[in-house]
Amino acid sequence: LKHDVIIWHHPFYWYSAPSLLKEWFDLVLEHGFAYGREGNALEGKI
């Protein structure tokens, strides 16, 4: 919420990201916060 630009910085592990970053996506970008009808917290960010 405090930042305008988000950079996911990681080595390329098996054509994706390391497991903790995947866990971060699964938990942090939750419905109602990051997406969904009410989830507009990240709208317009880069």
ModelCIF file with pLDDT and N, C-alpha, C, O atoms, coordinates in Angstrom:
data_MODEL
#
_entry.id   MODEL 
#
_entity.id                         1 
_entity.type                       polymer 
_entity.pdbx_number_of_molecules   1 
#
_entity_poly.entity_id                      1 
_entity_poly.type                           'polypeptide(L)' 
_entity_poly.nstd_linkage                   no 
_entity_poly.nstd_monomer                   no 
_entity_poly.pdbx_seq_one_letter_code       LKHDVIIWHHPFYWYSAPSLLKEWFDLVLEHGFAYGREGNALEGKI 
_entity_poly.pdbx_seq_one_letter_code_can   LKHDVIIWHHPFYWYSAPSLLKEWFDLVLEHGFAYGREGNALEGKI 
_entity_poly.pdbx_strand_id                 A 
#
loop_
_entity_poly_seq.entity_id 
_entity_poly_seq.num 
_entity_poly_seq.mon_id 
_entity_poly_seq.hetero 
1 1  LEU n 
1 2  LYS n 
1 3  HIS n 
1 4  ASP n 
1 5  VAL n 
1 6  ILE n 
1 7  ILE n 
1 8  TRP n 
1 9  HIS n 
1 10 HIS n 
1 11 PRO n 
1 12 PHE n 
1 13 TYR n 
1 14 TRP n 
1 15 TYR n 
1 16 SER n 
1 17 ALA n 
1 18 PRO n 
1 19 SER n 
1 20 LEU n 
1 21 LEU n 
1 22 LYS n 
1 23 GLU n 
1 24 TRP n 
1 25 PHE n 
1 26 ASP n 
1 27 LEU n 
1 28 VAL n 
1 29 LEU n 
1 30 GLU n 
1 31 HIS n 
1 32 GLY n 
1 33 PHE n 
1 34 ALA n 
1 35 TYR n 
1 36 GLY n 
1 37 ARG n 
1 38 GLU n 
1 39 GLY n 
1 40 ASN n 
1 41 ALA n 
1 42 LEU n 
1 43 GLU n 
1 44 GLY n 
1 45 LYS n 
1 46 ILE n 
#
_struct_asym.id          A 
_struct_asym.entity_id   1 
#
loop_
_ma_qa_metric.id 
_ma_qa_metric.mode 
_ma_qa_metric.name 
_ma_qa_metric.software_group_id 
_ma_qa_metric.type 
1 global pLDDT . pLDDT 
2 local  pLDDT . pLDDT 
#
_ma_qa_metric_global.metric_id      1 
_ma_qa_metric_global.metric_value   96.98 
_ma_qa_metric_global.model_id       1 
_ma_qa_metric_global.ordinal_id     1 
#
loop_
_ma_qa_metric_local.label_asym_id 
_ma_qa_metric_local.label_comp_id 
_ma_qa_metric_local.label_seq_id 
_ma_qa_metric_local.metric_id 
_ma_qa_metric_local.metric_value 
_ma_qa_metric_local.model_id 
_ma_qa_metric_local.ordinal_id 
A LEU 1  2 98.00 1 1  
A LYS 2  2 98.00 1 2  
A HIS 3  2 98.00 1 3  
A ASP 4  2 98.00 1 4  
A VAL 5  2 98.00 1 5  
A ILE 6  2 98.00 1 6  
A ILE 7  2 98.00 1 7  
A TRP 8  2 98.00 1 8  
A HIS 9  2 98.00 1 9  
A HIS 10 2 98.00 1 10 
A PRO 11 2 97.00 1 11 
A PHE 12 2 95.00 1 12 
A TYR 13 2 91.00 1 13 
A TRP 14 2 90.00 1 14 
A TYR 15 2 92.00 1 15 
A SER 16 2 94.00 1 16 
A ALA 17 2 96.00 1 17 
A PRO 18 2 97.00 1 18 
A SER 19 2 97.00 1 19 
A LEU 20 2 98.00 1 20 
A LEU 21 2 98.00 1 21 
A LYS 22 2 97.00 1 22 
A GLU 23 2 98.00 1 23 
A TRP 24 2 98.00 1 24 
A PHE 25 2 98.00 1 25 
A ASP 26 2 97.00 1 26 
A LEU 27 2 98.00 1 27 
A VAL 28 2 98.00 1 28 
A LEU 29 2 98.00 1 29 
A GLU 30 2 97.00 1 30 
A HIS 31 2 98.00 1 31 
A GLY 32 2 98.00 1 32 
A PHE 33 2 98.00 1 33 
A ALA 34 2 98.00 1 34 
A TYR 35 2 98.00 1 35 
A GLY 36 2 96.00 1 36 
A ARG 37 2 94.00 1 37 
A GLU 38 2 95.00 1 38 
A GLY 39 2 97.00 1 39 
A ASN 40 2 97.00 1 40 
A ALA 41 2 98.00 1 41 
A LEU 42 2 98.00 1 42 
A GLU 43 2 98.00 1 43 
A GLY 44 2 98.00 1 44 
A LYS 45 2 98.00 1 45 
A ILE 46 2 98.00 1 46 
#
loop_
_atom_site.group_PDB 
_atom_site.id 
_atom_site.type_symbol 
_atom_site.label_atom_id 
_atom_site.label_alt_id 
_atom_site.label_comp_id 
_atom_site.label_asym_id 
_atom_site.label_entity_id 
_atom_site.label_seq_id 
_atom_site.pdbx_PDB_ins_code 
_atom_site.Cartn_x 
_atom_site.Cartn_y 
_atom_site.Cartn_z 
_atom_site.occupancy 
_atom_site.B_iso_or_equiv 
_atom_site.pdbx_formal_charge 
_atom_site.auth_seq_id 
_atom_site.auth_comp_id 
_atom_site.auth_asym_id 
_atom_site.auth_atom_id 
_atom_site.pdbx_PDB_model_num 
ATOM 1   N N  . LEU A 1 1  ? 0.815   -1.211  0.000   1.00 98.00 ? 1  LEU A N  1 
ATOM 2   C CA . LEU A 1 1  ? 0.000   0.000   0.000   1.00 98.00 ? 1  LEU A CA 1 
ATOM 3   C C  . LEU A 1 1  ? 0.852   1.266   0.000   1.00 98.00 ? 1  LEU A C  1 
ATOM 4   O O  . LEU A 1 1  ? 0.435   2.291   -0.538  1.00 98.00 ? 1  LEU A O  1 
ATOM 5   N N  . LYS A 1 2  ? 2.024   1.205   0.590   1.00 98.00 ? 2  LYS A N  1 
ATOM 6   C CA . LYS A 1 2  ? 2.895   2.383   0.717   1.00 98.00 ? 2  LYS A CA 1 
ATOM 7   C C  . LYS A 1 2  ? 3.765   2.639   -0.507  1.00 98.00 ? 2  LYS A C  1 
ATOM 8   O O  . LYS A 1 2  ? 4.459   3.654   -0.565  1.00 98.00 ? 2  LYS A O  1 
ATOM 9   N N  . HIS A 1 3  ? 3.741   1.747   -1.477  1.00 98.00 ? 3  HIS A N  1 
ATOM 10  C CA . HIS A 1 3  ? 4.630   1.866   -2.633  1.00 98.00 ? 3  HIS A CA 1 
ATOM 11  C C  . HIS A 1 3  ? 3.847   1.919   -3.941  1.00 98.00 ? 3  HIS A C  1 
ATOM 12  O O  . HIS A 1 3  ? 2.723   1.427   -4.040  1.00 98.00 ? 3  HIS A O  1 
ATOM 13  N N  . ASP A 1 4  ? 4.479   2.533   -4.941  1.00 98.00 ? 4  ASP A N  1 
ATOM 14  C CA . ASP A 1 4  ? 3.852   2.718   -6.252  1.00 98.00 ? 4  ASP A CA 1 
ATOM 15  C C  . ASP A 1 4  ? 4.342   1.722   -7.298  1.00 98.00 ? 4  ASP A C  1 
ATOM 16  O O  . ASP A 1 4  ? 3.630   1.394   -8.247  1.00 98.00 ? 4  ASP A O  1 
ATOM 17  N N  . VAL A 1 5  ? 5.560   1.252   -7.108  1.00 98.00 ? 5  VAL A N  1 
ATOM 18  C CA . VAL A 1 5  ? 6.199   0.327   -8.050  1.00 98.00 ? 5  VAL A CA 1 
ATOM 19  C C  . VAL A 1 5  ? 6.616   -0.914  -7.262  1.00 98.00 ? 5  VAL A C  1 
ATOM 20  O O  . VAL A 1 5  ? 7.255   -0.811  -6.215  1.00 98.00 ? 5  VAL A O  1 
ATOM 21  N N  . ILE A 1 6  ? 6.250   -2.077  -7.775  1.00 98.00 ? 6  ILE A N  1 
ATOM 22  C CA . ILE A 1 6  ? 6.573   -3.339  -7.123  1.00 98.00 ? 6  ILE A CA 1 
ATOM 23  C C  . ILE A 1 6  ? 7.458   -4.149  -8.066  1.00 98.00 ? 6  ILE A C  1 
ATOM 24  O O  . ILE A 1 6  ? 7.086   -4.404  -9.211  1.00 98.00 ? 6  ILE A O  1 
ATOM 25  N N  . ILE A 1 7  ? 8.637   -4.552  -7.575  1.00 98.00 ? 7  ILE A N  1 
ATOM 26  C CA . ILE A 1 7  ? 9.550   -5.366  -8.380  1.00 98.00 ? 7  ILE A CA 1 
ATOM 27  C C  . ILE A 1 7  ? 9.740   -6.702  -7.674  1.00 98.00 ? 7  ILE A C  1 
ATOM 28  O O  . ILE A 1 7  ? 10.160  -6.757  -6.518  1.00 98.00 ? 7  ILE A O  1 
ATOM 29  N N  . TRP A 1 8  ? 9.426   -7.771  -8.387  1.00 98.00 ? 8  TRP A N  1 
ATOM 30  C CA . TRP A 1 8  ? 9.662   -9.118  -7.890  1.00 98.00 ? 8  TRP A CA 1 
ATOM 31  C C  . TRP A 1 8  ? 11.054  -9.532  -8.376  1.00 98.00 ? 8  TRP A C  1 
ATOM 32  O O  . TRP A 1 8  ? 11.237  -9.894  -9.538  1.00 98.00 ? 8  TRP A O  1 
ATOM 33  N N  . HIS A 1 9  ? 12.015  -9.473  -7.477  1.00 98.00 ? 9  HIS A N  1 
ATOM 34  C CA . HIS A 1 9  ? 13.429  -9.688  -7.813  1.00 98.00 ? 9  HIS A CA 1 
ATOM 35  C C  . HIS A 1 9  ? 13.849  -11.068 -7.303  1.00 98.00 ? 9  HIS A C  1 
ATOM 36  O O  . HIS A 1 9  ? 13.807  -11.340 -6.103  1.00 98.00 ? 9  HIS A O  1 
ATOM 37  N N  . HIS A 1 10 ? 14.253  -11.930 -8.234  1.00 98.00 ? 10 HIS A N  1 
ATOM 38  C CA . HIS A 1 10 ? 14.579  -13.305 -7.850  1.00 98.00 ? 10 HIS A CA 1 
ATOM 39  C C  . HIS A 1 10 ? 15.384  -14.006 -8.942  1.00 98.00 ? 10 HIS A C  1 
ATOM 40  O O  . HIS A 1 10 ? 15.350  -13.606 -10.106 1.00 98.00 ? 10 HIS A O  1 
ATOM 41  N N  . PRO A 1 11 ? 16.111  -15.060 -8.553  1.00 97.00 ? 11 PRO A N  1 
ATOM 42  C CA . PRO A 1 11 ? 16.719  -15.902 -9.586  1.00 97.00 ? 11 PRO A CA 1 
ATOM 43  C C  . PRO A 1 11 ? 15.623  -16.743 -10.237 1.00 97.00 ? 11 PRO A C  1 
ATOM 44  O O  . PRO A 1 11 ? 14.575  -16.993 -9.642  1.00 97.00 ? 11 PRO A O  1 
ATOM 45  N N  . PHE A 1 12 ? 15.878  -17.159 -11.429 1.00 95.00 ? 12 PHE A N  1 
ATOM 46  C CA . PHE A 1 12 ? 14.930  -17.975 -12.182 1.00 95.00 ? 12 PHE A CA 1 
ATOM 47  C C  . PHE A 1 12 ? 15.132  -19.425 -11.778 1.00 95.00 ? 12 PHE A C  1 
ATOM 48  O O  . PHE A 1 12 ? 16.098  -20.056 -12.207 1.00 95.00 ? 12 PHE A O  1 
ATOM 49  N N  . TYR A 1 13 ? 14.240  -19.959 -10.964 1.00 91.00 ? 13 TYR A N  1 
ATOM 50  C CA . TYR A 1 13 ? 14.333  -21.328 -10.462 1.00 91.00 ? 13 TYR A CA 1 
ATOM 51  C C  . TYR A 1 13 ? 13.328  -22.201 -11.191 1.00 91.00 ? 13 TYR A C  1 
ATOM 52  O O  . TYR A 1 13 ? 12.123  -21.972 -11.090 1.00 91.00 ? 13 TYR A O  1 
ATOM 53  N N  . TRP A 1 14 ? 13.796  -23.177 -11.907 1.00 90.00 ? 14 TRP A N  1 
ATOM 54  C CA . TRP A 1 14 ? 12.924  -24.096 -12.628 1.00 90.00 ? 14 TRP A CA 1 
ATOM 55  C C  . TRP A 1 14 ? 11.802  -23.358 -13.354 1.00 90.00 ? 14 TRP A C  1 
ATOM 56  O O  . TRP A 1 14 ? 10.627  -23.708 -13.248 1.00 90.00 ? 14 TRP A O  1 
ATOM 57  N N  . TYR A 1 15 ? 12.204  -22.328 -14.094 1.00 92.00 ? 15 TYR A N  1 
ATOM 58  C CA . TYR A 1 15 ? 11.296  -21.568 -14.951 1.00 92.00 ? 15 TYR A CA 1 
ATOM 59  C C  . TYR A 1 15 ? 10.271  -20.770 -14.166 1.00 92.00 ? 15 TYR A C  1 
ATOM 60  O O  . TYR A 1 15 ? 9.201   -20.450 -14.684 1.00 92.00 ? 15 TYR A O  1 
ATOM 61  N N  . SER A 1 16 ? 10.583  -20.452 -12.940 1.00 94.00 ? 16 SER A N  1 
ATOM 62  C CA . SER A 1 16 ? 9.656   -19.704 -12.097 1.00 94.00 ? 16 SER A CA 1 
ATOM 63  C C  . SER A 1 16 ? 10.442  -18.997 -11.004 1.00 94.00 ? 16 SER A C  1 
ATOM 64  O O  . SER A 1 16 ? 11.594  -18.608 -11.199 1.00 94.00 ? 16 SER A O  1 
ATOM 65  N N  . ALA A 1 17 ? 9.808   -18.840 -9.862  1.00 96.00 ? 17 ALA A N  1 
ATOM 66  C CA . ALA A 1 17 ? 10.406  -18.144 -8.733  1.00 96.00 ? 17 ALA A CA 1 
ATOM 67  C C  . ALA A 1 17 ? 10.712  -19.111 -7.601  1.00 96.00 ? 17 ALA A C  1 
ATOM 68  O O  . ALA A 1 17 ? 10.130  -20.194 -7.542  1.00 96.00 ? 17 ALA A O  1 
ATOM 69  N N  . PRO A 1 18 ? 11.614  -18.739 -6.705  1.00 97.00 ? 18 PRO A N  1 
ATOM 70  C CA . PRO A 1 18 ? 11.834  -19.554 -5.510  1.00 97.00 ? 18 PRO A CA 1 
ATOM 71  C C  . PRO A 1 18 ? 10.542  -19.703 -4.705  1.00 97.00 ? 18 PRO A C  1 
ATOM 72  O O  . PRO A 1 18 ? 9.640   -18.870 -4.788  1.00 97.00 ? 18 PRO A O  1 
ATOM 73  N N  . SER A 1 19 ? 10.478  -20.768 -3.938  1.00 97.00 ? 19 SER A N  1 
ATOM 74  C CA . SER A 1 19 ? 9.230   -21.150 -3.267  1.00 97.00 ? 19 SER A CA 1 
ATOM 75  C C  . SER A 1 19 ? 8.675   -20.103 -2.318  1.00 97.00 ? 19 SER A C  1 
ATOM 76  O O  . SER A 1 19 ? 7.456   -19.969 -2.215  1.00 97.00 ? 19 SER A O  1 
ATOM 77  N N  . LEU A 1 20 ? 9.518   -19.361 -1.625  1.00 98.00 ? 20 LEU A N  1 
ATOM 78  C CA . LEU A 1 20 ? 8.995   -18.364 -0.683  1.00 98.00 ? 20 LEU A CA 1 
ATOM 79  C C  . LEU A 1 20 ? 8.281   -17.225 -1.419  1.00 98.00 ? 20 LEU A C  1 
ATOM 80  O O  . LEU A 1 20 ? 7.309   -16.671 -0.906  1.00 98.00 ? 20 LEU A O  1 
ATOM 81  N N  . LEU A 1 21 ? 8.751   -16.880 -2.597  1.00 98.00 ? 21 LEU A N  1 
ATOM 82  C CA . LEU A 1 21 ? 8.048   -15.850 -3.365  1.00 98.00 ? 21 LEU A CA 1 
ATOM 83  C C  . LEU A 1 21 ? 6.690   -16.367 -3.831  1.00 98.00 ? 21 LEU A C  1 
ATOM 84  O O  . LEU A 1 21 ? 5.711   -15.620 -3.837  1.00 98.00 ? 21 LEU A O  1 
ATOM 85  N N  . LYS A 1 22 ? 6.625   -17.623 -4.217  1.00 97.00 ? 22 LYS A N  1 
ATOM 86  C CA . LYS A 1 22 ? 5.327   -18.209 -4.582  1.00 97.00 ? 22 LYS A CA 1 
ATOM 87  C C  . LYS A 1 22 ? 4.385   -18.201 -3.383  1.00 97.00 ? 22 LYS A C  1 
ATOM 88  O O  . LYS A 1 22 ? 3.202   -17.888 -3.523  1.00 97.00 ? 22 LYS A O  1 
ATOM 89  N N  . GLU A 1 23 ? 4.901   -18.540 -2.213  1.00 98.00 ? 23 GLU A N  1 
ATOM 90  C CA . GLU A 1 23 ? 4.099   -18.492 -0.984  1.00 98.00 ? 23 GLU A CA 1 
ATOM 91  C C  . GLU A 1 23 ? 3.611   -17.067 -0.718  1.00 98.00 ? 23 GLU A C  1 
ATOM 92  O O  . GLU A 1 23 ? 2.470   -16.857 -0.306  1.00 98.00 ? 23 GLU A O  1 
ATOM 93  N N  . TRP A 1 24 ? 4.492   -16.092 -0.961  1.00 98.00 ? 24 TRP A N  1 
ATOM 94  C CA . TRP A 1 24 ? 4.132   -14.682 -0.792  1.00 98.00 ? 24 TRP A CA 1 
ATOM 95  C C  . TRP A 1 24 ? 2.938   -14.342 -1.687  1.00 98.00 ? 24 TRP A C  1 
ATOM 96  O O  . TRP A 1 24 ? 1.979   -13.719 -1.232  1.00 98.00 ? 24 TRP A O  1 
ATOM 97  N N  . PHE A 1 25 ? 2.994   -14.747 -2.946  1.00 98.00 ? 25 PHE A N  1 
ATOM 98  C CA . PHE A 1 25 ? 1.873   -14.496 -3.863  1.00 98.00 ? 25 PHE A CA 1 
ATOM 99  C C  . PHE A 1 25 ? 0.596   -15.143 -3.340  1.00 98.00 ? 25 PHE A C  1 
ATOM 100 O O  . PHE A 1 25 ? -0.462  -14.515 -3.303  1.00 98.00 ? 25 PHE A O  1 
ATOM 101 N N  . ASP A 1 26 ? 0.707   -16.407 -2.936  1.00 97.00 ? 26 ASP A N  1 
ATOM 102 C CA . ASP A 1 26 ? -0.475  -17.155 -2.496  1.00 97.00 ? 26 ASP A CA 1 
ATOM 103 C C  . ASP A 1 26 ? -1.157  -16.519 -1.293  1.00 97.00 ? 26 ASP A C  1 
ATOM 104 O O  . ASP A 1 26 ? -2.384  -16.536 -1.195  1.00 97.00 ? 26 ASP A O  1 
ATOM 105 N N  . LEU A 1 27 ? -0.371  -15.955 -0.376  1.00 98.00 ? 27 LEU A N  1 
ATOM 106 C CA . LEU A 1 27 ? -0.935  -15.430 0.861   1.00 98.00 ? 27 LEU A CA 1 
ATOM 107 C C  . LEU A 1 27 ? -1.222  -13.936 0.827   1.00 98.00 ? 27 LEU A C  1 
ATOM 108 O O  . LEU A 1 27 ? -2.277  -13.499 1.288   1.00 98.00 ? 27 LEU A O  1 
ATOM 109 N N  . VAL A 1 28 ? -0.313  -13.161 0.296   1.00 98.00 ? 28 VAL A N  1 
ATOM 110 C CA . VAL A 1 28 ? -0.400  -11.698 0.379   1.00 98.00 ? 28 VAL A CA 1 
ATOM 111 C C  . VAL A 1 28 ? -1.409  -11.117 -0.607  1.00 98.00 ? 28 VAL A C  1 
ATOM 112 O O  . VAL A 1 28 ? -2.150  -10.196 -0.264  1.00 98.00 ? 28 VAL A O  1 
ATOM 113 N N  . LEU A 1 29 ? -1.443  -11.641 -1.812  1.00 98.00 ? 29 LEU A N  1 
ATOM 114 C CA . LEU A 1 29 ? -2.347  -11.098 -2.830  1.00 98.00 ? 29 LEU A CA 1 
ATOM 115 C C  . LEU A 1 29 ? -3.717  -11.771 -2.715  1.00 98.00 ? 29 LEU A C  1 
ATOM 116 O O  . LEU A 1 29 ? -4.184  -12.430 -3.644  1.00 98.00 ? 29 LEU A O  1 
ATOM 117 N N  . GLU A 1 30 ? -4.331  -11.592 -1.581  1.00 97.00 ? 30 GLU A N  1 
ATOM 118 C CA . GLU A 1 30 ? -5.584  -12.295 -1.313  1.00 97.00 ? 30 GLU A CA 1 
ATOM 119 C C  . GLU A 1 30 ? -6.804  -11.569 -1.879  1.00 97.00 ? 30 GLU A C  1 
ATOM 120 O O  . GLU A 1 30 ? -6.802  -10.358 -2.101  1.00 97.00 ? 30 GLU A O  1 
ATOM 121 N N  . HIS A 1 31 ? -7.832  -12.364 -2.098  1.00 98.00 ? 31 HIS A N  1 
ATOM 122 C CA . HIS A 1 31 ? -9.122  -11.873 -2.591  1.00 98.00 ? 31 HIS A CA 1 
ATOM 123 C C  . HIS A 1 31 ? -9.652  -10.830 -1.609  1.00 98.00 ? 31 HIS A C  1 
ATOM 124 O O  . HIS A 1 31 ? -9.581  -11.009 -0.393  1.00 98.00 ? 31 HIS A O  1 
ATOM 125 N N  . GLY A 1 32 ? -10.174 -9.764  -2.148  1.00 98.00 ? 32 GLY A N  1 
ATOM 126 C CA . GLY A 1 32 ? -10.696 -8.699  -1.312  1.00 98.00 ? 32 GLY A CA 1 
ATOM 127 C C  . GLY A 1 32 ? -9.663  -7.633  -1.001  1.00 98.00 ? 32 GLY A C  1 
ATOM 128 O O  . GLY A 1 32 ? -10.008 -6.522  -0.598  1.00 98.00 ? 32 GLY A O  1 
ATOM 129 N N  . PHE A 1 33 ? -8.409  -7.966  -1.188  1.00 98.00 ? 33 PHE A N  1 
ATOM 130 C CA . PHE A 1 33 ? -7.329  -6.981  -1.036  1.00 98.00 ? 33 PHE A CA 1 
ATOM 131 C C  . PHE A 1 33 ? -6.752  -6.641  -2.402  1.00 98.00 ? 33 PHE A C  1 
ATOM 132 O O  . PHE A 1 33 ? -6.790  -5.489  -2.833  1.00 98.00 ? 33 PHE A O  1 
ATOM 133 N N  . ALA A 1 34 ? -6.222  -7.646  -3.075  1.00 98.00 ? 34 ALA A N  1 
ATOM 134 C CA . ALA A 1 34 ? -5.521  -7.422  -4.338  1.00 98.00 ? 34 ALA A CA 1 
ATOM 135 C C  . ALA A 1 34 ? -6.398  -7.622  -5.570  1.00 98.00 ? 34 ALA A C  1 
ATOM 136 O O  . ALA A 1 34 ? -6.105  -7.080  -6.635  1.00 98.00 ? 34 ALA A O  1 
ATOM 137 N N  . TYR A 1 35 ? -7.453  -8.384  -5.432  1.00 98.00 ? 35 TYR A N  1 
ATOM 138 C CA . TYR A 1 35 ? -8.325  -8.644  -6.581  1.00 98.00 ? 35 TYR A CA 1 
ATOM 139 C C  . TYR A 1 35 ? -9.727  -8.970  -6.075  1.00 98.00 ? 35 TYR A C  1 
ATOM 140 O O  . TYR A 1 35 ? -9.955  -9.115  -4.874  1.00 98.00 ? 35 TYR A O  1 
ATOM 141 N N  . GLY A 1 36 ? -10.645 -9.080  -7.006  1.00 96.00 ? 36 GLY A N  1 
ATOM 142 C CA . GLY A 1 36 ? -12.043 -9.338  -6.663  1.00 96.00 ? 36 GLY A CA 1 
ATOM 143 C C  . GLY A 1 36 ? -12.829 -8.033  -6.664  1.00 96.00 ? 36 GLY A C  1 
ATOM 144 O O  . GLY A 1 36 ? -12.274 -6.959  -6.898  1.00 96.00 ? 36 GLY A O  1 
ATOM 145 N N  . ARG A 1 37 ? -14.095 -8.140  -6.407  1.00 94.00 ? 37 ARG A N  1 
ATOM 146 C CA . ARG A 1 37 ? -14.978 -6.979  -6.445  1.00 94.00 ? 37 ARG A CA 1 
ATOM 147 C C  . ARG A 1 37 ? -14.486 -5.858  -5.534  1.00 94.00 ? 37 ARG A C  1 
ATOM 148 O O  . ARG A 1 37 ? -14.510 -4.688  -5.918  1.00 94.00 ? 37 ARG A O  1 
ATOM 149 N N  . GLU A 1 38 ? -14.046 -6.206  -4.339  1.00 95.00 ? 38 GLU A N  1 
ATOM 150 C CA . GLU A 1 38 ? -13.578 -5.216  -3.362  1.00 95.00 ? 38 GLU A CA 1 
ATOM 151 C C  . GLU A 1 38 ? -12.053 -5.050  -3.383  1.00 95.00 ? 38 GLU A C  1 
ATOM 152 O O  . GLU A 1 38 ? -11.522 -4.166  -2.713  1.00 95.00 ? 38 GLU A O  1 
ATOM 153 N N  . GLY A 1 39 ? -11.366 -5.872  -4.127  1.00 97.00 ? 39 GLY A N  1 
ATOM 154 C CA . GLY A 1 39 ? -9.903  -5.888  -4.089  1.00 97.00 ? 39 GLY A CA 1 
ATOM 155 C C  . GLY A 1 39 ? -9.246  -4.950  -5.067  1.00 97.00 ? 39 GLY A C  1 
ATOM 156 O O  . GLY A 1 39 ? -8.867  -5.351  -6.167  1.00 97.00 ? 39 GLY A O  1 
ATOM 157 N N  . ASN A 1 40 ? -9.111  -3.703  -4.672  1.00 97.00 ? 40 ASN A N  1 
ATOM 158 C CA . ASN A 1 40 ? -8.541  -2.682  -5.544  1.00 97.00 ? 40 ASN A CA 1 
ATOM 159 C C  . ASN A 1 40 ? -7.284  -2.035  -4.971  1.00 97.00 ? 40 ASN A C  1 
ATOM 160 O O  . ASN A 1 40 ? -6.853  -0.991  -5.461  1.00 97.00 ? 40 ASN A O  1 
ATOM 161 N N  . ALA A 1 41 ? -6.695  -2.634  -3.951  1.00 98.00 ? 41 ALA A N  1 
ATOM 162 C CA . ALA A 1 41 ? -5.578  -2.014  -3.244  1.00 98.00 ? 41 ALA A CA 1 
ATOM 163 C C  . ALA A 1 41 ? -4.363  -1.749  -4.137  1.00 98.00 ? 41 ALA A C  1 
ATOM 164 O O  . ALA A 1 41 ? -3.596  -0.823  -3.874  1.00 98.00 ? 41 ALA A O  1 
ATOM 165 N N  . LEU A 1 42 ? -4.185  -2.537  -5.169  1.00 98.00 ? 42 LEU A N  1 
ATOM 166 C CA . LEU A 1 42 ? -2.993  -2.414  -6.016  1.00 98.00 ? 42 LEU A CA 1 
ATOM 167 C C  . LEU A 1 42 ? -3.277  -1.772  -7.371  1.00 98.00 ? 42 LEU A C  1 
ATOM 168 O O  . LEU A 1 42 ? -2.385  -1.655  -8.212  1.00 98.00 ? 42 LEU A O  1 
ATOM 169 N N  . GLU A 1 43 ? -4.492  -1.371  -7.568  1.00 98.00 ? 43 GLU A N  1 
ATOM 170 C CA . GLU A 1 43 ? -4.900  -0.805  -8.854  1.00 98.00 ? 43 GLU A CA 1 
ATOM 171 C C  . GLU A 1 43 ? -4.019  0.376   -9.252  1.00 98.00 ? 43 GLU A C  1 
ATOM 172 O O  . GLU A 1 43 ? -3.811  1.307   -8.474  1.00 98.00 ? 43 GLU A O  1 
ATOM 173 N N  . GLY A 1 44 ? -3.509  0.317   -10.474 1.00 98.00 ? 44 GLY A N  1 
ATOM 174 C CA . GLY A 1 44 ? -2.704  1.400   -11.019 1.00 98.00 ? 44 GLY A CA 1 
ATOM 175 C C  . GLY A 1 44 ? -1.228  1.341   -10.669 1.00 98.00 ? 44 GLY A C  1 
ATOM 176 O O  . GLY A 1 44 ? -0.442  2.114   -11.217 1.00 98.00 ? 44 GLY A O  1 
ATOM 177 N N  . LYS A 1 45 ? -0.832  0.454   -9.782  1.00 98.00 ? 45 LYS A N  1 
ATOM 178 C CA . LYS A 1 45 ? 0.587   0.332   -9.436  1.00 98.00 ? 45 LYS A CA 1 
ATOM 179 C C  . LYS A 1 45 ? 1.332   -0.348  -10.584 1.00 98.00 ? 45 LYS A C  1 
ATOM 180 O O  . LYS A 1 45 ? 0.734   -1.055  -11.394 1.00 98.00 ? 45 LYS A O  1 
ATOM 181 N N  . ILE A 1 46 ? 2.614   -0.129  -10.638 1.00 98.00 ? 46 ILE A N  1 
ATOM 182 C CA . ILE A 1 46 ? 3.466   -0.719  -11.665 1.00 98.00 ? 46 ILE A CA 1 
ATOM 183 C C  . ILE A 1 46 ? 4.144   -1.947  -11.080 1.00 98.00 ? 46 ILE A C  1 
ATOM 184 O O  . ILE A 1 46 ? 4.917   -2.613  -11.769 1.00 98.00 ? 46 ILE A O  1 
#
